Amino acid sequence: MGSFMPRPPRILVPHTVVMLTSRIQQGIPFVHTPLMEMIIWSALSLAQTLYPVKVIAFVVMGNHVHLIALVEDPTMVESFMERFKSETAHAINRLLGRRQVSVWCAGYDSPAILTIEDLIEKVAYVYANPVSANLSVSVDDYRGVSSWTMFKSENTTKETKRVRRNVLAKLPANSLSDEQNGQEVLSVSTRSSEILQFTLYPGAWSVTFPDKLTESEFNKRVINRIQEIENEMRENRIREGMEIPATTRRDTQIINTTYLPKTFRRRMWCICQDLPLKMRFIQLVKKLRAEGRTVWLKWMKGDFSVPFPAGLFPPNHPILANLTPAFFKRAILMG
């Protein structure tokens, strides 16, 4: 492939369900405070308002986010993730009194989930992520932002105030008392009047996996798997003599904790335990890449008459200086 796409490209095939994961470069900024909760919900709601992606499940951990979503228009998924990351990055930098400091790692992972069994496992994984990380005894106890309450209650909409960047200021300290947290939330809330709404689509997977399970059956299996994970982690903690951090310790965690991720996984194209199906999908990806290379070579010569393959993103840089329309920098041509 030469210099074309030196790392596995992001593939977003329409009508598939994908697991979107992005990590913070360093630190653990998503602390469990009311202000951070407002900021995260605002960022999610604004991203979905501008780019209507059907999110099936999500959890925001201290230094990364997992979302499972249905791909309808791949460009919407790309823009949704960019907007969410941009809003949260600007907010974190303003709270820390910084300017133009990179917060997120570049890009995000987006493997397609190819079977209903894999989807059940991954939805349970997302919700149980705090338990697996030994941050809470059960999913119900997690104090961070996730869609678990919406999934469990079937109340799939949440209204939140839009937290604009200009209403945020540098925090008086990296770790705030309950009283200081309350003052910050009141200040931001008073200056924020626009209302946004986030909608969860826990049953959107049925577009990809029709006639497999009812939504009720699917949810029951997810809950059962979560309970299994909770039991497994409880036994592990007993065996290793480990304790869950106290609530007060988590709530007063400083926003700029020094932390570097220990592991970075290679980008995957798909999540699938069915090996023949996985191989077929990989062959599809390779075919798309070959088609993309052919189109890319045409573009390099100034011939834009052939669109890029649906689901495959062009490299993220201009092709011909001053001649390439800006649209081609990020968009997938769906024609």
Protein backbone atom coordinates (compact mmCIF):
# COMPACT_ATOMS: atom_id res chain seq x y z
CA MET A 1 0.00 0.00 0.00
CA GLY A 2 3.02 2.31 0.08
CA SER A 3 2.38 5.51 2.04
CA PHE A 4 -1.37 5.15 1.66
CA MET A 5 -2.96 4.73 5.11
CA PRO A 6 0.09 3.53 7.08
CA ARG A 7 -2.05 2.21 9.96
CA PRO A 8 -5.31 0.24 9.81
CA PRO A 9 -7.91 2.75 8.64
CA ARG A 10 -11.12 3.52 10.43
CA ILE A 11 -13.98 1.62 8.81
CA LEU A 12 -17.57 2.71 9.40
CA VAL A 13 -19.84 0.55 7.27
CA PRO A 14 -23.45 1.77 7.11
CA HIS A 15 -26.02 -0.34 9.03
CA THR A 16 -23.43 -1.88 11.35
CA VAL A 17 -23.12 -1.51 15.12
CA VAL A 18 -19.73 -0.24 16.27
CA MET A 19 -17.89 0.17 19.56
CA LEU A 20 -16.33 3.62 19.75
CA THR A 21 -13.44 4.10 22.17
CA SER A 22 -11.24 7.13 22.74
CA ARG A 23 -8.65 7.83 25.43
CA ILE A 24 -7.20 10.87 27.16
CA GLN A 25 -3.50 11.45 26.40
CA GLN A 26 -2.59 11.77 30.06
CA GLY A 27 -4.26 12.37 33.40
CA ILE A 28 -7.69 11.35 34.71
CA PRO A 29 -9.79 14.49 34.16
CA PHE A 30 -13.32 13.04 34.29
CA VAL A 31 -13.71 13.26 38.06
CA HIS A 32 -17.02 12.40 39.73
CA THR A 33 -18.28 15.90 40.47
CA PRO A 34 -21.59 17.60 39.56
CA LEU A 35 -19.75 20.15 37.41
CA MET A 36 -17.94 17.51 35.37
CA GLU A 37 -21.21 15.62 35.02
CA MET A 38 -22.85 18.77 33.58
CA ILE A 39 -19.97 19.23 31.14
CA ILE A 40 -20.06 15.63 29.89
CA TRP A 41 -23.82 15.52 29.42
CA SER A 42 -23.70 18.88 27.66
CA ALA A 43 -20.99 17.66 25.28
CA LEU A 44 -22.86 14.43 24.50
CA SER A 45 -26.17 16.24 23.99
CA LEU A 46 -24.67 18.93 21.77
CA ALA A 47 -22.83 16.36 19.66
CA GLN A 48 -26.03 14.39 19.16
CA THR A 49 -28.09 17.52 18.44
CA LEU A 50 -25.70 18.54 15.67
CA TYR A 51 -24.95 15.03 14.43
CA PRO A 52 -27.84 12.66 15.23
CA VAL A 53 -26.10 9.39 16.03
CA LYS A 54 -28.11 6.60 17.68
CA VAL A 55 -26.13 5.68 20.77
CA ILE A 56 -27.04 2.27 22.19
CA ALA A 57 -24.92 2.37 25.36
CA PHE A 58 -22.05 4.40 26.79
CA VAL A 59 -19.86 4.93 29.83
CA VAL A 60 -17.41 7.72 30.59
CA MET A 61 -14.48 6.57 32.71
CA GLY A 62 -11.84 8.77 34.30
CA ASN A 63 -9.62 8.79 31.23
CA HIS A 64 -11.57 7.21 28.39
CA VAL A 65 -15.01 6.78 26.90
CA HIS A 66 -16.81 3.76 25.41
CA LEU A 67 -19.87 4.18 23.19
CA ILE A 68 -21.78 1.57 21.22
CA ALA A 69 -23.70 3.09 18.34
CA LEU A 70 -25.55 2.30 15.13
CA VAL A 71 -23.86 3.55 11.97
CA GLU A 72 -26.41 5.10 9.65
CA ASP A 73 -24.40 7.91 8.06
CA PRO A 74 -20.66 7.35 8.72
CA THR A 75 -19.94 11.09 8.43
CA MET A 76 -22.31 11.72 11.36
CA VAL A 77 -20.42 9.28 13.58
CA GLU A 78 -17.12 10.94 12.69
CA SER A 79 -18.47 14.42 13.38
CA PHE A 80 -20.24 13.31 16.58
CA MET A 81 -16.99 12.00 18.05
CA GLU A 82 -15.03 15.05 16.97
CA ARG A 83 -17.56 17.41 18.56
CA PHE A 84 -17.78 15.47 21.83
CA LYS A 85 -14.00 15.38 22.15
CA SER A 86 -13.65 19.04 21.20
CA GLU A 87 -16.23 20.23 23.74
CA THR A 88 -14.81 18.20 26.61
CA ALA A 89 -11.21 19.12 25.74
CA HIS A 90 -11.96 22.85 25.74
CA ALA A 91 -13.84 22.50 29.04
CA ILE A 92 -10.98 20.63 30.73
CA ASN A 93 -8.43 23.16 29.51
CA ARG A 94 -10.52 26.07 30.79
CA LEU A 95 -10.99 24.45 34.19
CA LEU A 96 -7.22 24.01 34.42
CA GLY A 97 -6.44 27.48 33.06
CA ARG A 98 -4.62 26.09 30.02
CA ARG A 99 -4.62 27.10 26.36
CA GLN A 100 -4.27 24.84 23.32
CA VAL A 101 -3.17 21.76 25.22
CA SER A 102 -4.03 18.44 23.55
CA VAL A 103 -6.35 16.41 25.78
CA TRP A 104 -7.47 13.40 23.74
CA CYS A 105 -5.38 10.89 21.83
CA ALA A 106 -5.78 11.31 18.08
CA GLY A 107 -8.74 9.53 16.52
CA TYR A 108 -10.70 6.71 18.08
CA ASP A 109 -11.23 2.99 17.68
CA SER A 110 -14.42 1.84 15.96
CA PRO A 111 -14.56 -1.94 15.42
CA ALA A 112 -17.81 -3.31 14.02
CA ILE A 113 -19.67 -5.80 16.23
CA LEU A 114 -20.71 -8.60 13.90
CA THR A 115 -22.97 -10.92 15.93
CA ILE A 116 -25.73 -10.50 18.50
CA GLU A 117 -23.73 -12.59 20.98
CA ASP A 118 -20.73 -10.29 20.64
CA LEU A 119 -23.03 -7.29 21.07
CA ILE A 120 -24.51 -8.64 24.31
CA GLU A 121 -20.99 -9.16 25.64
CA LYS A 122 -19.83 -5.68 24.65
CA VAL A 123 -22.88 -3.83 26.00
CA ALA A 124 -22.38 -5.67 29.30
CA TYR A 125 -18.66 -4.85 29.13
CA VAL A 126 -19.38 -1.14 28.67
CA TYR A 127 -21.77 -0.94 31.62
CA ALA A 128 -19.58 -3.12 33.85
CA ASN A 129 -16.39 -1.23 32.99
CA PRO A 130 -16.31 0.59 36.38
CA VAL A 131 -16.74 -2.75 38.18
CA SER A 132 -13.97 -4.38 36.14
CA ALA A 133 -11.74 -1.40 36.98
CA ASN A 134 -12.51 -1.88 40.70
CA LEU A 135 -14.12 1.55 40.98
CA SER A 136 -17.46 0.24 42.22
CA VAL A 137 -18.96 -2.94 43.63
CA SER A 138 -21.85 -2.89 41.19
CA VAL A 139 -22.91 -1.00 38.09
CA ASP A 140 -25.59 0.76 40.17
CA ASP A 141 -22.92 2.26 42.44
CA TYR A 142 -20.85 3.94 39.73
CA ARG A 143 -20.88 7.71 40.25
CA GLY A 144 -19.53 8.62 36.80
CA VAL A 145 -21.59 9.38 33.70
CA SER A 146 -23.13 6.46 31.82
CA SER A 147 -26.40 5.47 30.17
CA TRP A 148 -27.02 2.65 32.66
CA THR A 149 -29.87 4.41 34.50
CA MET A 150 -31.57 5.19 31.18
CA PHE A 151 -31.14 1.59 30.02
CA LYS A 152 -32.47 0.16 33.26
CA SER A 153 -35.42 2.54 33.69
CA GLU A 154 -36.36 2.69 30.00
CA ASN A 155 -36.51 6.49 30.32
CA THR A 156 -34.37 7.11 27.26
CA THR A 157 -34.24 10.92 27.19
CA LYS A 158 -32.36 13.35 29.41
CA GLU A 159 -32.50 17.14 29.38
CA THR A 160 -29.38 19.07 30.31
CA LYS A 161 -28.15 22.64 30.13
CA ARG A 162 -25.67 23.51 27.42
CA VAL A 163 -22.41 24.46 29.10
CA ARG A 164 -20.75 26.92 26.76
CA ARG A 165 -17.02 27.37 26.99
CA ASN A 166 -17.26 31.03 28.00
CA VAL A 167 -19.14 30.22 31.22
CA LEU A 168 -16.26 28.09 32.50
CA ALA A 169 -13.30 29.53 34.37
CA LYS A 170 -10.18 28.17 35.99
CA LEU A 171 -11.04 26.27 39.15
CA PRO A 172 -9.88 27.86 42.41
CA ALA A 173 -8.16 24.57 43.26
CA ASN A 174 -7.52 21.22 41.59
CA SER A 175 -9.62 19.47 44.25
CA LEU A 176 -12.75 21.19 45.57
CA SER A 177 -14.78 20.71 48.72
CA ASP A 178 -18.50 19.90 48.51
CA GLU A 179 -19.27 23.58 49.16
CA GLN A 180 -16.90 24.76 46.45
CA ASN A 181 -18.30 22.22 44.00
CA GLY A 182 -21.79 23.49 44.73
CA GLN A 183 -20.71 27.08 44.13
CA GLU A 184 -19.12 26.20 40.79
CA VAL A 185 -22.20 24.30 39.62
CA LEU A 186 -24.51 27.16 40.66
CA SER A 187 -22.34 29.70 38.84
CA VAL A 188 -22.23 27.68 35.61
CA SER A 189 -25.91 26.70 35.78
CA THR A 190 -27.04 30.30 36.37
CA ARG A 191 -25.14 31.47 33.30
CA SER A 192 -26.42 28.61 31.11
CA SER A 193 -29.95 28.95 29.76
CA GLU A 194 -30.05 26.78 26.61
CA ILE A 195 -31.58 23.33 27.13
CA LEU A 196 -30.35 20.31 25.19
CA GLN A 197 -31.69 16.78 25.07
CA PHE A 198 -29.83 13.51 24.78
CA THR A 199 -31.67 10.41 23.58
CA LEU A 200 -30.51 6.84 24.08
CA TYR A 201 -31.50 4.20 21.52
CA PRO A 202 -30.93 0.91 23.39
CA GLY A 203 -32.81 -1.09 20.75
CA ALA A 204 -31.21 0.43 17.64
CA TRP A 205 -29.16 -2.77 17.22
CA SER A 206 -32.27 -4.42 15.72
CA VAL A 207 -31.52 -2.66 12.42
CA THR A 208 -28.33 -4.72 12.15
CA PHE A 209 -29.63 -7.89 13.80
CA PRO A 210 -33.32 -8.19 12.86
CA ASP A 211 -35.34 -11.16 14.08
CA LYS A 212 -32.57 -12.32 16.44
CA LEU A 213 -34.00 -11.37 19.84
CA THR A 214 -36.69 -9.13 21.21
CA GLU A 215 -35.42 -6.03 22.97
CA SER A 216 -36.68 -7.44 26.26
CA GLU A 217 -34.76 -10.70 25.73
CA PHE A 218 -31.65 -8.78 24.75
CA ASN A 219 -31.80 -6.54 27.82
CA LYS A 220 -32.33 -9.50 30.13
CA ARG A 221 -29.25 -11.23 28.76
CA VAL A 222 -27.19 -8.06 29.13
CA ILE A 223 -28.27 -7.70 32.78
CA ASN A 224 -27.49 -11.37 33.48
CA ARG A 225 -24.02 -10.97 31.98
CA ILE A 226 -23.39 -7.83 34.05
CA GLN A 227 -24.32 -9.74 37.20
CA GLU A 228 -21.85 -12.45 36.25
CA ILE A 229 -19.09 -9.85 35.86
CA GLU A 230 -19.99 -8.28 39.21
CA ASN A 231 -19.77 -11.68 40.91
CA GLU A 232 -16.47 -12.51 39.20
CA MET A 233 -14.92 -9.21 40.29
CA ARG A 234 -16.24 -9.58 43.84
CA GLU A 235 -14.57 -13.00 44.10
CA ASN A 236 -11.33 -11.57 42.68
CA ARG A 237 -11.29 -8.75 45.23
CA ILE A 238 -11.87 -11.17 48.11
CA ARG A 239 -9.13 -13.46 46.84
CA GLU A 240 -6.66 -10.57 46.44
CA GLY A 241 -7.72 -8.63 49.54
CA MET A 242 -8.63 -5.57 47.51
CA GLU A 243 -11.02 -2.79 48.58
CA ILE A 244 -13.06 -0.33 46.53
CA PRO A 245 -11.93 3.31 46.99
CA ALA A 246 -14.15 5.28 49.37
CA THR A 247 -16.74 7.57 47.81
CA THR A 248 -15.18 10.66 49.34
CA ARG A 249 -11.80 9.76 47.88
CA ARG A 250 -13.29 9.49 44.40
CA ASP A 251 -15.30 12.71 44.69
CA THR A 252 -12.29 14.77 45.76
CA GLN A 253 -9.91 13.39 43.15
CA ILE A 254 -7.90 16.19 41.56
CA ILE A 255 -8.72 16.99 37.94
CA ASN A 256 -5.11 16.97 36.72
CA THR A 257 -3.92 13.74 38.30
CA THR A 258 -0.64 12.61 36.77
CA TYR A 259 -1.34 9.40 34.89
CA LEU A 260 -0.10 7.85 31.67
CA PRO A 261 -2.04 4.98 30.05
CA LYS A 262 -0.21 1.69 30.48
CA THR A 263 -1.60 -0.20 27.50
CA PHE A 264 -2.55 0.73 23.96
CA ARG A 265 -4.36 -1.87 21.92
CA ARG A 266 -3.99 -2.20 18.20
CA ARG A 267 -6.92 -0.85 16.25
CA MET A 268 -9.34 -3.61 15.27
CA TRP A 269 -11.67 -3.75 12.31
CA CYS A 270 -14.25 -5.96 13.98
CA ILE A 271 -15.31 -7.81 17.12
CA CYS A 272 -16.51 -11.30 16.26
CA GLN A 273 -16.23 -14.78 17.77
CA ASP A 274 -17.53 -16.35 14.55
CA LEU A 275 -14.22 -16.92 12.72
CA PRO A 276 -15.65 -17.47 9.18
CA LEU A 277 -17.79 -14.34 9.52
CA LYS A 278 -14.81 -12.40 10.84
CA MET A 279 -12.69 -13.47 7.88
CA ARG A 280 -15.41 -12.44 5.42
CA PHE A 281 -15.59 -9.01 7.03
CA ILE A 282 -11.81 -8.62 6.89
CA GLN A 283 -11.89 -9.54 3.19
CA LEU A 284 -14.55 -6.84 2.71
CA VAL A 285 -12.28 -4.32 4.44
CA LYS A 286 -9.33 -5.31 2.28
CA LYS A 287 -11.46 -4.91 -0.82
CA LEU A 288 -12.53 -1.45 0.35
CA ARG A 289 -8.91 -0.51 0.96
CA ALA A 290 -7.93 -1.64 -2.52
CA GLU A 291 -10.76 0.42 -4.00
CA GLY A 292 -9.72 3.33 -1.82
CA ARG A 293 -6.15 3.16 -3.08
CA THR A 294 -7.35 3.28 -6.69
CA VAL A 295 -9.50 6.33 -5.95
CA TRP A 296 -6.72 7.96 -3.95
CA LEU A 297 -4.29 7.66 -6.87
CA LYS A 298 -6.87 9.33 -9.12
CA TRP A 299 -7.31 12.12 -6.59
CA MET A 300 -3.53 12.62 -6.42
CA LYS A 301 -3.67 13.35 -10.16
CA GLY A 302 -6.51 15.83 -9.67
CA ASP A 303 -9.29 13.49 -10.85
CA PHE A 304 -12.14 13.72 -8.32
CA SER A 305 -14.76 12.12 -10.57
CA VAL A 306 -14.76 8.86 -8.57
CA PRO A 307 -16.07 8.98 -4.97
CA PHE A 308 -14.25 7.34 -2.07
CA PRO A 309 -15.73 3.93 -1.06
CA ALA A 310 -18.64 4.25 1.36
CA GLY A 311 -17.51 3.49 4.88
CA LEU A 312 -13.81 4.24 4.31
CA PHE A 313 -12.32 7.62 5.24
CA PRO A 314 -9.81 9.43 3.05
CA PRO A 315 -6.44 10.24 4.67
CA ASN A 316 -6.74 13.29 6.90
CA HIS A 317 -4.70 15.83 4.96
CA PRO A 318 -5.12 17.97 1.82
CA ILE A 319 -4.47 16.20 -1.44
CA LEU A 320 -3.61 19.08 -3.72
CA ALA A 321 -2.66 22.39 -2.11
CA ASN A 322 -5.19 25.15 -2.78
CA LEU A 323 -7.11 22.92 -5.18
CA THR A 324 -8.75 20.29 -2.97
CA PRO A 325 -12.16 21.33 -1.64
CA ALA A 326 -12.11 21.40 2.17
CA PHE A 327 -15.03 18.98 2.16
CA PHE A 328 -12.72 16.19 1.04
CA LYS A 329 -10.54 16.50 4.12
CA ARG A 330 -12.97 14.65 6.38
CA ALA A 331 -16.11 13.57 4.57
CA ILE A 332 -16.99 10.17 3.17
CA LEU A 333 -18.58 10.49 -0.24
CA MET A 334 -21.67 8.33 -0.10
CA GLY A 335 -22.70 8.56 -3.75
